[in-house]
Amino acid sequence: MTLDDDQRLVKSKQRVADHGEVFTPAWMVDDMLDLVRHESERIDSRVLEPACGSGNFLVPVLARKLATVRARHGKSEFEKRHYALFALMCVYGIELLEDNAAECRENLSELFNTFLGASEGDEWATAARVVLAVNIVRGDALTMTLTNGTPITFAEWGYLGKGKFQRRDFRYDELTQRSAWEAEGSLFADLGADLFAPHATYPTMTVSDLAGQADAA
């Protein structure tokens, strides 16, 4: 989403009053991402924006990841496409307002499709929409719940190579606890993998499998 100059930081004063909604300007986003350049440009780094809005942070993060994909895998169309989807899979967001969440998914989809030269009905574009429906959720990051009160669950995607992806689902509230349990010096550091098992593990899937999930939805 591109905002006019007089709307760059806010959509409306009422939304600011009701939800504290303020958009971070692009120059500030770039400066902040430069502070963690290595992570923001790494394809497999998982980035979560707990108040993602329409994607002011996530879109530049994806752009940086895709630049890395082009540099490392641009000579192989097969690898470029699969690593581009994996880069998208590593971008996550939580947003309280429905229109913002929808715009965030749309903006990320547009960037992904443009990178691959994919049309809206393309199998790759469809697979990307399936991923974003899971990765960009409408909920409250403070309570770690969806709007219906159920716990937020995120998919941990992995690229296994040769066009195969793996998905495992974890509860967000448990993931936030895991970092404390696995902290250096913790008595329970060695137990993290056992204490925080995935809530669901899916069979390996291809892009065609992912796109087919849109038809089943």
Protein backbone atom coordinates (compact mmCIF):
# COMPACT_ATOMS: atom_id res chain seq x y z
CA MET A 1 0.00 0.00 0.00
CA THR A 2 1.31 3.43 -0.98
CA LEU A 3 -0.01 6.24 1.18
CA ASP A 4 -0.35 9.85 0.05
CA ASP A 5 2.01 12.32 1.74
CA ASP A 6 -0.66 13.54 4.16
CA GLN A 7 -1.60 9.93 5.02
CA ARG A 8 1.87 8.45 5.28
CA LEU A 9 1.85 8.08 9.06
CA VAL A 10 -1.88 7.74 9.82
CA LYS A 11 -5.02 6.60 7.99
CA SER A 12 -7.34 8.53 10.26
CA LYS A 13 -7.22 10.27 13.63
CA GLN A 14 -10.03 8.01 14.82
CA ARG A 15 -7.97 4.88 14.14
CA VAL A 16 -5.07 6.41 16.02
CA ALA A 17 -7.35 7.11 18.97
CA ASP A 18 -9.04 3.70 18.89
CA HIS A 19 -6.06 1.46 18.09
CA GLY A 20 -2.90 3.55 18.34
CA GLU A 21 -2.36 2.96 14.62
CA VAL A 22 0.65 4.86 13.26
CA PHE A 23 2.72 3.81 10.24
CA THR A 24 6.51 3.83 10.38
CA PRO A 25 8.01 5.89 7.51
CA ALA A 26 10.06 4.00 4.91
CA TRP A 27 13.35 5.73 5.73
CA MET A 28 13.08 4.70 9.38
CA VAL A 29 12.23 1.12 8.41
CA ASP A 30 15.33 0.94 6.21
CA ASP A 31 17.53 2.36 8.95
CA MET A 32 16.21 -0.18 11.46
CA LEU A 33 16.63 -3.11 9.07
CA ASP A 34 20.19 -1.99 8.32
CA LEU A 35 20.98 -2.49 12.00
CA VAL A 36 20.22 -6.19 11.54
CA ARG A 37 21.24 -6.40 7.89
CA HIS A 38 22.55 -9.96 8.10
CA GLU A 39 19.27 -11.28 9.48
CA SER A 40 16.98 -9.14 7.35
CA GLU A 41 18.72 -10.31 4.16
CA ARG A 42 19.10 -14.00 5.08
CA ILE A 43 16.63 -16.16 3.18
CA ASP A 44 15.83 -18.53 6.05
CA SER A 45 15.67 -16.02 8.91
CA ARG A 46 12.16 -16.00 10.34
CA VAL A 47 10.85 -12.48 10.85
CA LEU A 48 7.69 -11.73 12.86
CA GLU A 49 6.11 -8.27 13.02
CA PRO A 50 3.60 -8.36 15.93
CA ALA A 51 1.75 -5.27 14.69
CA CYS A 52 2.37 -5.58 10.96
CA GLY A 53 -0.16 -3.07 9.65
CA SER A 54 -0.15 -3.19 5.86
CA GLY A 55 3.41 -4.48 5.71
CA ASN A 56 5.62 -1.43 6.23
CA PHE A 57 8.31 -3.68 7.73
CA LEU A 58 7.51 -7.03 6.15
CA VAL A 59 7.50 -5.85 2.53
CA PRO A 60 11.05 -4.40 2.76
CA VAL A 61 12.18 -7.54 4.61
CA LEU A 62 10.82 -9.72 1.82
CA ALA A 63 12.45 -7.45 -0.77
CA ARG A 64 15.82 -7.94 0.91
CA LYS A 65 15.36 -11.68 1.10
CA LEU A 66 14.38 -11.85 -2.58
CA ALA A 67 17.49 -9.86 -3.50
CA THR A 68 19.52 -12.57 -1.77
CA VAL A 69 17.58 -15.24 -3.64
CA ARG A 70 18.41 -13.55 -6.95
CA ALA A 71 22.09 -13.23 -6.05
CA ARG A 72 22.47 -16.83 -4.88
CA HIS A 73 20.01 -18.78 -7.01
CA GLY A 74 19.27 -16.52 -9.98
CA LYS A 75 21.04 -18.81 -12.45
CA SER A 76 18.56 -21.63 -11.84
CA GLU A 77 14.89 -20.80 -12.44
CA PHE A 78 13.87 -23.87 -10.43
CA GLU A 79 15.94 -22.91 -7.40
CA LYS A 80 15.08 -19.22 -7.69
CA ARG A 81 11.36 -19.92 -7.59
CA HIS A 82 11.50 -22.38 -4.71
CA TYR A 83 13.80 -20.25 -2.59
CA ALA A 84 11.65 -17.20 -3.30
CA LEU A 85 8.64 -19.06 -1.92
CA PHE A 86 10.71 -20.18 1.06
CA ALA A 87 11.69 -16.54 1.68
CA LEU A 88 7.99 -15.66 1.75
CA MET A 89 7.36 -18.57 4.11
CA CYS A 90 9.80 -17.02 6.59
CA VAL A 91 7.82 -13.76 6.90
CA TYR A 92 5.13 -13.57 9.59
CA GLY A 93 2.76 -10.92 10.87
CA ILE A 94 0.02 -10.34 13.43
CA GLU A 95 -2.46 -7.54 12.85
CA LEU A 96 -5.55 -6.55 14.84
CA LEU A 97 -7.39 -4.71 12.04
CA GLU A 98 -8.85 -6.81 9.24
CA ASP A 99 -8.27 -4.32 6.41
CA ASN A 100 -4.62 -3.92 7.35
CA ALA A 101 -4.06 -7.68 7.45
CA ALA A 102 -5.65 -8.06 4.02
CA GLU A 103 -3.51 -5.23 2.61
CA CYS A 104 -0.39 -6.77 4.09
CA ARG A 105 -1.09 -10.09 2.36
CA GLU A 106 -1.86 -8.26 -0.88
CA ASN A 107 1.34 -6.20 -0.76
CA LEU A 108 3.50 -9.22 -0.04
CA SER A 109 1.77 -11.19 -2.80
CA GLU A 110 2.32 -8.39 -5.28
CA LEU A 111 6.03 -8.23 -4.49
CA PHE A 112 6.41 -12.02 -4.73
CA ASN A 113 4.46 -12.25 -8.01
CA THR A 114 6.45 -9.41 -9.53
CA PHE A 115 9.72 -11.08 -8.59
CA LEU A 116 8.70 -14.32 -10.30
CA GLY A 117 6.75 -12.71 -13.13
CA ALA A 118 3.70 -14.70 -12.01
CA SER A 119 0.14 -13.76 -12.90
CA GLU A 120 -2.63 -13.77 -10.30
CA GLY A 121 -3.96 -17.17 -11.40
CA ASP A 122 -0.51 -18.75 -11.65
CA GLU A 123 0.21 -21.82 -9.52
CA TRP A 124 3.03 -19.99 -7.74
CA ALA A 125 0.83 -16.99 -6.97
CA THR A 126 -1.85 -19.32 -5.62
CA ALA A 127 0.66 -21.16 -3.42
CA ALA A 128 1.89 -17.81 -2.09
CA ARG A 129 -1.66 -16.83 -1.12
CA VAL A 130 -2.05 -20.11 0.79
CA VAL A 131 1.17 -19.41 2.69
CA LEU A 132 0.18 -15.83 3.49
CA ALA A 133 -3.25 -16.90 4.73
CA VAL A 134 -1.39 -18.87 7.41
CA ASN A 135 1.55 -16.51 8.05
CA ILE A 136 -0.31 -13.18 8.30
CA VAL A 137 -2.95 -13.61 10.98
CA ARG A 138 -5.59 -11.32 12.39
CA GLY A 139 -5.20 -11.30 16.13
CA ASP A 140 -3.82 -9.63 19.24
CA ALA A 141 -0.08 -9.99 19.79
CA LEU A 142 -0.42 -9.02 23.45
CA THR A 143 -2.89 -11.76 24.33
CA MET A 144 -1.41 -14.05 21.65
CA THR A 145 -4.91 -14.97 20.49
CA LEU A 146 -6.95 -14.71 17.31
CA THR A 147 -10.02 -12.50 17.22
CA ASN A 148 -12.14 -15.50 18.26
CA GLY A 149 -10.02 -15.98 21.39
CA THR A 150 -8.19 -19.13 20.30
CA PRO A 151 -4.38 -19.21 20.59
CA ILE A 152 -2.41 -17.96 17.59
CA THR A 153 -0.67 -20.81 15.77
CA PHE A 154 2.10 -20.28 13.24
CA ALA A 155 3.43 -22.63 10.60
CA GLU A 156 7.16 -23.31 10.64
CA TRP A 157 8.02 -23.91 6.99
CA GLY A 158 11.15 -25.66 5.83
CA TYR A 159 12.56 -26.16 2.36
CA LEU A 160 13.97 -29.67 2.02
CA GLY A 161 15.35 -29.19 -1.49
CA LYS A 162 14.25 -30.71 -4.80
CA GLY A 163 10.96 -28.81 -4.67
CA LYS A 164 9.79 -30.26 -1.35
CA PHE A 165 8.51 -28.20 1.60
CA GLN A 166 7.73 -29.23 5.17
CA ARG A 167 5.23 -27.60 7.54
CA ARG A 168 5.01 -27.90 11.31
CA ASP A 169 2.58 -25.84 13.42
CA PHE A 170 3.49 -24.28 16.78
CA ARG A 171 1.48 -22.16 19.20
CA TYR A 172 2.79 -18.61 19.41
CA ASP A 173 2.56 -18.40 23.20
CA GLU A 174 4.64 -21.56 23.53
CA LEU A 175 7.23 -20.28 21.08
CA THR A 176 7.72 -17.13 23.16
CA GLN A 177 8.33 -19.29 26.22
CA ARG A 178 10.81 -21.47 24.38
CA SER A 179 13.43 -18.72 24.08
CA ALA A 180 13.50 -18.41 27.88
CA TRP A 181 13.69 -22.16 28.43
CA GLU A 182 16.54 -22.50 25.91
CA ALA A 183 18.51 -19.52 27.19
CA GLU A 184 22.15 -20.17 27.89
CA GLY A 185 22.59 -21.39 31.44
CA SER A 186 18.97 -22.47 31.84
CA LEU A 187 18.51 -25.74 33.72
CA PHE A 188 16.10 -26.79 30.97
CA ALA A 189 18.15 -25.74 27.93
CA ASP A 190 18.64 -29.33 26.79
CA LEU A 191 14.93 -30.13 27.06
CA GLY A 192 13.60 -27.50 24.67
CA ALA A 193 12.98 -29.86 21.75
CA ASP A 194 11.01 -32.22 23.99
CA LEU A 195 9.03 -29.56 25.85
CA PHE A 196 7.90 -27.70 22.75
CA ALA A 197 6.77 -30.30 20.25
CA PRO A 198 4.74 -29.15 17.20
CA HIS A 199 0.97 -29.25 17.47
CA ALA A 200 0.75 -30.58 13.93
CA THR A 201 3.18 -31.95 11.37
CA TYR A 202 2.20 -32.22 7.71
CA PRO A 203 3.44 -34.50 4.92
CA THR A 204 6.03 -32.96 2.62
CA MET A 205 4.44 -30.93 -0.15
CA THR A 206 5.22 -29.37 -3.49
CA VAL A 207 4.11 -26.04 -4.92
CA SER A 208 1.29 -27.89 -6.68
CA ASP A 209 0.21 -29.40 -3.37
CA LEU A 210 0.16 -25.95 -1.75
CA ALA A 211 -1.79 -24.42 -4.62
CA GLY A 212 -4.28 -27.28 -4.39
CA GLN A 213 -5.07 -26.28 -0.82
CA ALA A 214 -6.61 -23.07 -2.16
CA ASP A 215 -9.06 -25.12 -4.20
CA ALA A 216 -9.93 -27.21 -1.16
CA ALA A 217 -10.51 -24.17 1.08
